[in-house]
């Protein structure tokens, strides 16, 4: 089991970087060039290229070259399913947290009156 836990830890470490998650999100709707991904996520080309390479080496992404352009696509659909599940759970948590904060602020403002 130690090897399994080590692999799981490495996998989650790979997915723990926000830029890599943004890249995966940008690729959810299909293959994209490096330049298009850079434009979508607002990061530098050097950083995006570095992150793409890490995801490619982990076999999460696939790539193909067409002339001077390199196109990336999602190879591992299980990673996308996992990211969607976690992101939807976190979005709900953030939404609930904001709702609670608003209630606390309104309660405080009502107490001031």
Protein backbone atom coordinates (compact mmCIF):
# COMPACT_ATOMS: atom_id res chain seq x y z
CA UNK A 1 0.00 0.00 0.00
CA UNK A 2 2.91 2.38 0.55
CA UNK A 3 3.53 2.56 -3.21
CA UNK A 4 -0.13 3.33 -3.85
CA UNK A 5 -0.16 6.10 -1.24
CA UNK A 6 3.02 7.54 -2.73
CA UNK A 7 1.47 7.61 -6.21
CA UNK A 8 -1.75 9.17 -4.91
CA UNK A 9 0.28 11.81 -3.08
CA UNK A 10 2.23 12.62 -6.26
CA UNK A 11 -1.01 12.81 -8.25
CA UNK A 12 -2.62 15.24 -5.80
CA UNK A 13 0.57 17.29 -5.65
CA UNK A 14 0.42 17.63 -9.43
CA UNK A 15 -3.18 18.82 -9.24
CA UNK A 16 -2.50 21.19 -6.34
CA UNK A 17 -1.13 23.99 -8.54
CA UNK A 18 -3.85 26.50 -9.59
CA UNK A 19 -2.28 27.16 -12.99
CA UNK A 20 -2.46 23.46 -13.85
CA UNK A 21 -6.13 23.40 -12.84
CA UNK A 22 -6.78 26.44 -15.04
CA UNK A 23 -5.09 24.66 -17.93
CA UNK A 24 -7.26 21.58 -17.43
CA UNK A 25 -10.34 23.79 -17.33
CA UNK A 26 -9.28 25.48 -20.58
CA UNK A 27 -8.90 22.08 -22.24
CA UNK A 28 -12.22 20.64 -21.05
CA UNK A 29 -13.94 21.69 -24.27
CA UNK A 30 -11.33 20.33 -26.64
CA UNK A 31 -7.86 20.60 -28.02
CA UNK A 32 -6.12 23.99 -27.84
CA UNK A 33 -2.83 25.54 -28.85
CA UNK A 34 -0.36 26.78 -26.27
CA UNK A 35 -1.09 30.37 -27.33
CA UNK A 36 -4.84 29.90 -26.88
CA UNK A 37 -4.31 28.43 -23.42
CA UNK A 38 -2.05 31.35 -22.48
CA UNK A 39 -4.80 33.75 -23.59
CA UNK A 40 -7.49 31.83 -21.70
CA UNK A 41 -5.77 31.68 -18.34
CA UNK A 42 -3.74 34.90 -18.40
CA UNK A 43 -0.38 33.38 -17.44
CA UNK A 44 2.97 33.77 -19.16
CA UNK A 45 3.82 31.46 -22.03
CA UNK A 46 6.89 30.19 -20.18
CA UNK A 47 4.83 29.23 -17.14
CA UNK A 48 2.05 27.64 -19.21
CA UNK A 49 4.58 25.65 -21.23
CA UNK A 50 6.25 24.39 -18.05
CA UNK A 51 2.90 23.35 -16.55
CA UNK A 52 1.75 21.72 -19.81
CA UNK A 53 4.95 19.70 -19.91
CA UNK A 54 4.39 18.45 -16.36
CA UNK A 55 0.82 17.39 -17.18
CA UNK A 56 2.01 15.75 -20.40
CA UNK A 57 4.76 13.78 -18.63
CA UNK A 58 2.17 12.60 -16.09
CA UNK A 59 0.08 11.34 -19.05
CA UNK A 60 -2.84 13.56 -18.12
CA UNK A 61 -2.47 15.48 -21.38
CA UNK A 62 -1.65 14.43 -24.91
CA UNK A 63 -0.17 16.64 -27.58
CA UNK A 64 0.38 16.84 -31.29
CA UNK A 65 2.39 19.17 -33.46
CA UNK A 66 1.04 20.77 -36.60
CA UNK A 67 3.61 22.99 -38.27
CA UNK A 68 4.89 25.39 -35.64
CA UNK A 69 1.81 24.93 -33.44
CA UNK A 70 1.57 22.44 -30.57
CA UNK A 71 -1.94 21.33 -29.65
CA UNK A 72 -2.77 19.88 -26.24
CA UNK A 73 -5.74 17.74 -25.28
CA UNK A 74 -6.90 15.84 -22.24
CA UNK A 75 -5.87 12.19 -22.32
CA UNK A 76 -6.93 11.11 -18.84
CA UNK A 77 -10.68 11.58 -18.48
CA UNK A 78 -10.53 10.25 -14.91
CA UNK A 79 -8.53 13.33 -13.92
CA UNK A 80 -11.20 15.59 -15.36
CA UNK A 81 -13.97 13.71 -13.57
CA UNK A 82 -12.08 14.05 -10.30
CA UNK A 83 -11.42 17.77 -10.84
CA UNK A 84 -15.08 18.42 -11.71
CA UNK A 85 -16.25 16.63 -8.59
CA UNK A 86 -13.84 18.46 -6.30
CA UNK A 87 -14.40 21.86 -7.95
CA UNK A 88 -18.19 21.56 -7.71
CA UNK A 89 -17.88 20.62 -4.02
CA UNK A 90 -15.55 23.56 -3.35
CA UNK A 91 -17.80 25.96 -5.29
CA UNK A 92 -20.72 24.92 -3.09
CA UNK A 93 -18.58 25.37 0.03
CA UNK A 94 -17.53 28.88 -1.07
CA UNK A 95 -21.13 29.78 -1.88
CA UNK A 96 -22.33 28.61 1.54
CA UNK A 97 -19.48 30.42 3.28
CA UNK A 98 -20.37 33.67 1.51
CA UNK A 99 -24.01 33.19 2.45
CA UNK A 100 -23.02 32.73 6.11
CA UNK A 101 -20.76 35.81 6.01
CA UNK A 102 -23.57 37.91 4.52
CA UNK A 103 -25.92 36.72 7.26
CA UNK A 104 -23.39 37.64 9.93
CA UNK A 105 -22.87 41.10 8.42
CA UNK A 106 -26.61 41.70 8.16
CA UNK A 107 -27.04 40.50 11.74
CA UNK A 108 -24.35 42.88 12.92
CA UNK A 109 -25.80 45.79 10.98
CA UNK A 110 -29.27 45.02 12.42
CA UNK A 111 -27.83 45.01 15.94
CA UNK A 112 -26.32 48.45 15.29
CA UNK A 113 -29.70 50.01 14.46
